[in-house]
Protein backbone atom coordinates (compact mmCIF):
# COMPACT_ATOMS: atom_id res chain seq x y z
CA MET A 1 -51.71 -36.15 44.58
CA LEU A 2 -50.93 -38.34 41.48
CA ASP A 3 -53.85 -40.48 42.15
CA SER A 4 -56.13 -37.53 41.69
CA LEU A 5 -54.31 -36.85 38.11
CA LYS A 6 -54.78 -40.37 36.94
CA ASN A 7 -57.85 -39.88 34.86
CA PRO A 8 -56.84 -36.43 33.11
CA LEU A 9 -53.32 -37.83 32.59
CA SER A 10 -54.73 -40.78 30.94
CA LEU A 11 -57.02 -38.83 28.60
CA ILE A 12 -54.22 -36.43 27.72
CA GLY A 13 -51.94 -39.36 27.07
CA ARG A 14 -54.48 -40.92 24.70
CA LEU A 15 -55.13 -37.68 22.76
CA PHE A 16 -51.18 -37.13 22.46
CA PHE A 17 -51.02 -40.61 20.80
CA VAL A 18 -53.83 -39.43 18.43
CA LEU A 19 -51.77 -36.47 17.37
CA LEU A 20 -49.26 -38.96 16.04
CA PHE A 21 -51.72 -41.29 14.16
CA LEU A 22 -54.72 -39.36 13.08
CA PRO A 23 -53.00 -36.75 10.94
CA ALA A 24 -50.90 -39.54 9.34
CA GLY A 25 -54.00 -41.71 8.60
CA TRP A 26 -55.93 -38.65 7.22
CA GLY A 27 -53.05 -37.80 5.16
CA LYS A 28 -52.98 -41.34 3.62
CA LEU A 29 -56.79 -41.06 2.98
CA THR A 30 -56.54 -37.59 1.29
CA GLY A 31 -53.26 -38.39 -0.49
CA PHE A 32 -53.66 -41.81 -1.36
CA ALA A 33 -51.60 -42.08 -4.54
CA GLY A 34 -48.59 -40.26 -2.92
CA SER A 35 -48.86 -42.60 0.19
CA VAL A 36 -48.91 -45.69 -1.98
CA ALA A 37 -45.80 -44.56 -3.72
CA TYR A 38 -44.18 -43.89 -0.33
CA THR A 39 -45.22 -47.42 0.89
CA ALA A 40 -43.76 -49.06 -2.17
CA SER A 41 -40.45 -47.12 -1.70
CA GLY A 42 -40.22 -49.06 1.58
CA GLY A 43 -40.32 -52.40 -0.22
CA ILE A 44 -43.84 -53.27 1.30
CA PRO A 45 -45.50 -55.83 -0.99
CA MET A 46 -49.01 -54.95 -2.33
CA PRO A 47 -48.67 -51.10 -1.38
CA GLU A 48 -52.13 -50.15 -2.11
CA VAL A 49 -53.59 -52.84 0.23
CA ALA A 50 -50.94 -51.95 2.92
CA THR A 51 -51.61 -48.20 2.68
CA ALA A 52 -55.41 -48.98 3.05
CA VAL A 53 -54.84 -51.00 6.14
CA ALA A 54 -52.33 -48.47 7.62
CA LEU A 55 -54.98 -45.58 7.15
CA VAL A 56 -57.67 -47.65 8.71
CA ILE A 57 -55.39 -48.70 11.61
CA GLU A 58 -54.33 -45.07 12.11
CA ILE A 59 -57.76 -43.54 11.80
CA VAL A 60 -59.88 -46.19 13.59
CA GLY A 61 -57.18 -46.73 16.26
CA SER A 62 -57.10 -42.85 16.90
CA LEU A 63 -60.87 -42.58 17.20
CA ALA A 64 -60.71 -45.59 19.70
CA LEU A 65 -58.14 -43.78 21.71
CA ILE A 66 -59.90 -40.52 21.81
CA PHE A 67 -63.33 -41.85 23.00
CA GLY A 68 -61.47 -44.73 25.12
CA PHE A 69 -63.60 -47.37 23.20
CA GLY A 70 -61.90 -50.82 22.67
CA THR A 71 -58.55 -48.99 23.99
CA ARG A 72 -56.58 -52.01 24.67
CA TRP A 73 -57.18 -53.54 21.31
CA ALA A 74 -56.64 -50.31 19.49
CA ALA A 75 -53.47 -49.77 21.41
CA LEU A 76 -52.22 -53.07 20.60
CA ALA A 77 -53.05 -52.79 16.85
CA LEU A 78 -51.41 -49.45 16.86
CA ALA A 79 -48.22 -50.75 18.67
CA LEU A 80 -48.05 -53.72 16.22
CA PHE A 81 -48.43 -51.38 13.18
CA THR A 82 -45.69 -48.91 14.55
CA PHE A 83 -43.15 -51.67 15.36
CA VAL A 84 -43.54 -53.32 11.91
CA ALA A 85 -43.51 -50.00 10.07
CA SER A 86 -40.25 -48.93 11.78
CA PHE A 87 -38.28 -51.88 10.41
CA PHE A 88 -39.35 -50.57 6.84
CA PHE A 89 -38.99 -46.99 7.05
CA HIS A 90 -36.58 -46.26 9.83
CA ASN A 91 -33.93 -49.07 9.17
CA TYR A 92 -30.83 -47.00 10.22
CA TRP A 93 -28.80 -50.15 9.62
CA ALA A 94 -29.16 -49.89 5.96
CA VAL A 95 -29.01 -46.05 5.30
CA PRO A 96 -25.96 -44.19 4.35
CA ASP A 97 -23.77 -42.82 7.12
CA ALA A 98 -25.22 -39.34 6.75
CA GLN A 99 -28.68 -40.51 7.45
CA VAL A 100 -28.07 -42.88 10.39
CA MET A 101 -28.38 -40.54 13.19
CA VAL A 102 -31.74 -39.08 12.14
CA THR A 103 -32.97 -42.51 11.09
CA GLN A 104 -31.80 -44.31 14.23
CA LEU A 105 -33.59 -41.49 16.44
CA LEU A 106 -36.94 -41.90 14.40
CA PHE A 107 -36.67 -45.76 14.90
CA PHE A 108 -35.84 -45.48 18.78
CA LYS A 109 -38.60 -42.86 19.20
CA ASN A 110 -41.04 -45.33 17.63
CA MET A 111 -39.91 -48.02 19.97
CA GLY A 112 -40.63 -45.78 22.59
CA VAL A 113 -44.21 -45.10 21.21
CA VAL A 114 -44.76 -48.83 21.05
CA GLY A 115 -43.67 -49.16 24.66
CA GLY A 116 -46.24 -46.47 25.59
CA LEU A 117 -48.92 -48.03 23.57
CA LEU A 118 -48.15 -51.58 25.35
CA THR A 119 -48.62 -49.96 28.61
CA LEU A 120 -51.86 -48.38 27.51
CA ALA A 121 -52.93 -52.02 26.40
CA ALA A 122 -51.93 -53.29 29.76
CA TRP A 123 -53.68 -50.69 32.03
CA GLY A 124 -56.63 -49.54 29.65
CA ALA A 125 -57.89 -46.17 29.23
CA GLY A 126 -58.76 -45.00 32.69
CA ALA A 127 -62.01 -43.84 34.01
CA TRP A 128 -62.75 -41.18 31.53
CA SER A 129 -63.61 -43.56 28.78
CA VAL A 130 -66.36 -45.49 27.13
CA ASP A 131 -64.53 -48.66 28.26
CA ALA A 132 -64.88 -47.56 31.87
CA ARG A 133 -68.48 -46.80 31.54
CA ARG A 134 -69.10 -50.17 29.95
CA GLY A 135 -67.26 -51.88 32.87
CA ASN A 136 -64.30 -53.01 30.71
């Protein structure tokens, strides 16, 4: 039974990743100044450049996942981005005690997202994708 669900589940899984990244990228694009300020608050050097890179990764990576085009590379880029960003913005080891629980939850949620993206990078987009039609 599960074999018959591989392709729809793969597509649905890719779309759920997009729900995390596309709105975030779009928000950075439409509210660039505020996003730069938030990036700077995390101690990221060159916050304008970092914000621009982040929004490109989030938007282009999301589009790649939607269509299943360059899925493995997109998943790797999104995984690396999420991994690095988690250490700057969900550093639960450096926040006041009252903030540890939520920040730690967000950090480990992101590590789970990284794991899912690495799995997608390993196995690909599935048959319902541009990659499959191209024989990748």
